[in-house]
Amino acid sequence: MNIEVKVIAGARKRDMRLEGSRLVVKLLSKPLKGKANEELVEYIADAFRLKRRDVSIVAGERDTRKLVSIPLDADALRRILENPSSAK
């Protein structure tokens, strides 16, 4: 599934929440030399217990709004975000 992600780089702590159909992700890294993109892929993969190669940025590599591909359906994504202990 492709999901729209809004990235807030340079935050004080990592955070992830769902706002409507958009995932808002706060990252520690600054958006320099792809560091925030690397952290985004790593953070999403770890949060949903996926392999990093299964998470990819489809569009928006140089923008705060991105389209990210993950192998989960909308219901599984919402369930995991509402109850992080229920991840795969």
Protein backbone atom coordinates (compact mmCIF):
# COMPACT_ATOMS: atom_id res chain seq x y z
CA MET A 1 0.00 0.00 0.00
CA ASN A 2 1.14 3.53 -0.67
CA ILE A 3 0.66 6.01 2.15
CA GLU A 4 1.09 9.76 2.22
CA VAL A 5 3.65 10.81 4.83
CA LYS A 6 4.40 14.28 6.18
CA VAL A 7 7.93 14.41 7.58
CA ILE A 8 9.05 16.83 10.27
CA ALA A 9 12.84 16.63 10.29
CA GLY A 10 15.04 17.92 13.10
CA ALA A 11 12.51 17.18 15.86
CA ARG A 12 13.55 16.71 19.48
CA LYS A 13 12.16 13.18 19.60
CA ARG A 14 10.80 10.63 17.17
CA ASP A 15 7.05 10.31 16.86
CA MET A 16 4.51 8.82 14.48
CA ARG A 17 0.78 9.45 14.33
CA LEU A 18 -2.05 9.13 11.86
CA GLU A 19 -3.92 12.30 10.88
CA GLY A 20 -6.81 11.28 8.66
CA SER A 21 -5.23 9.24 5.88
CA ARG A 22 -1.80 10.88 6.29
CA LEU A 23 1.00 9.57 8.50
CA VAL A 24 2.89 12.35 10.30
CA VAL A 25 6.42 11.34 11.29
CA LYS A 26 8.83 13.37 13.41
CA LEU A 27 12.50 12.53 12.88
CA LEU A 28 15.70 13.51 14.68
CA SER A 29 17.83 13.86 11.54
CA LYS A 30 18.13 17.08 9.58
CA PRO A 31 17.16 16.92 5.89
CA LEU A 32 20.78 16.92 4.71
CA LYS A 33 22.31 14.45 2.25
CA GLY A 34 19.36 12.05 2.54
CA LYS A 35 19.84 11.42 6.27
CA ALA A 36 16.17 12.15 7.10
CA ASN A 37 15.01 9.83 4.29
CA GLU A 38 17.24 7.05 5.61
CA GLU A 39 15.91 7.57 9.12
CA LEU A 40 12.32 7.61 7.80
CA VAL A 41 12.69 4.24 6.08
CA GLU A 42 14.45 2.76 9.13
CA TYR A 43 11.88 4.16 11.59
CA ILE A 44 8.85 2.95 9.60
CA ALA A 45 10.41 -0.48 9.08
CA ASP A 46 11.20 -0.83 12.79
CA ALA A 47 7.80 0.50 13.92
CA PHE A 48 5.87 -1.94 11.72
CA ARG A 49 8.39 -4.77 12.11
CA LEU A 50 9.18 -4.87 8.42
CA LYS A 51 12.43 -5.33 6.56
CA ARG A 52 13.96 -2.05 5.40
CA ARG A 53 13.96 -3.26 1.81
CA ASP A 54 10.14 -3.56 2.01
CA VAL A 55 9.77 0.16 2.75
CA SER A 56 10.49 2.60 -0.06
CA ILE A 57 9.94 6.25 -0.86
CA VAL A 58 7.94 6.32 -4.09
CA ALA A 59 7.71 10.10 -4.47
CA GLY A 60 8.87 13.24 -2.69
CA GLU A 61 12.47 12.41 -1.81
CA ARG A 62 13.29 16.14 -1.61
CA ASP A 63 9.98 17.26 -0.08
CA THR A 64 8.41 17.06 3.39
CA ARG A 65 5.39 15.36 1.81
CA LYS A 66 6.26 11.90 0.62
CA LEU A 67 4.56 8.84 -0.80
CA VAL A 68 5.88 5.72 0.92
CA SER A 69 5.22 2.13 -0.10
CA ILE A 70 4.75 -0.46 2.66
CA PRO A 71 3.42 -4.04 2.43
CA LEU A 72 0.47 -3.50 4.81
CA ASP A 73 -3.20 -2.77 4.21
CA ALA A 74 -4.97 0.25 5.71
CA ASP A 75 -6.62 -1.76 8.52
CA ALA A 76 -3.34 -3.32 9.66
CA LEU A 77 -1.63 0.07 9.58
CA ARG A 78 -4.35 1.68 11.70
CA ARG A 79 -4.37 -1.25 14.15
CA ILE A 80 -0.60 -1.05 14.65
CA LEU A 81 -0.66 2.72 15.16
CA GLU A 82 -3.50 2.49 17.69
CA ASN A 83 -1.87 -0.39 19.58
CA PRO A 84 1.90 -0.63 18.90
CA SER A 85 2.22 -3.91 20.81
CA SER A 86 0.06 -5.63 18.14
CA ALA A 87 2.66 -5.26 15.38
CA LYS A 88 3.45 -8.47 13.48
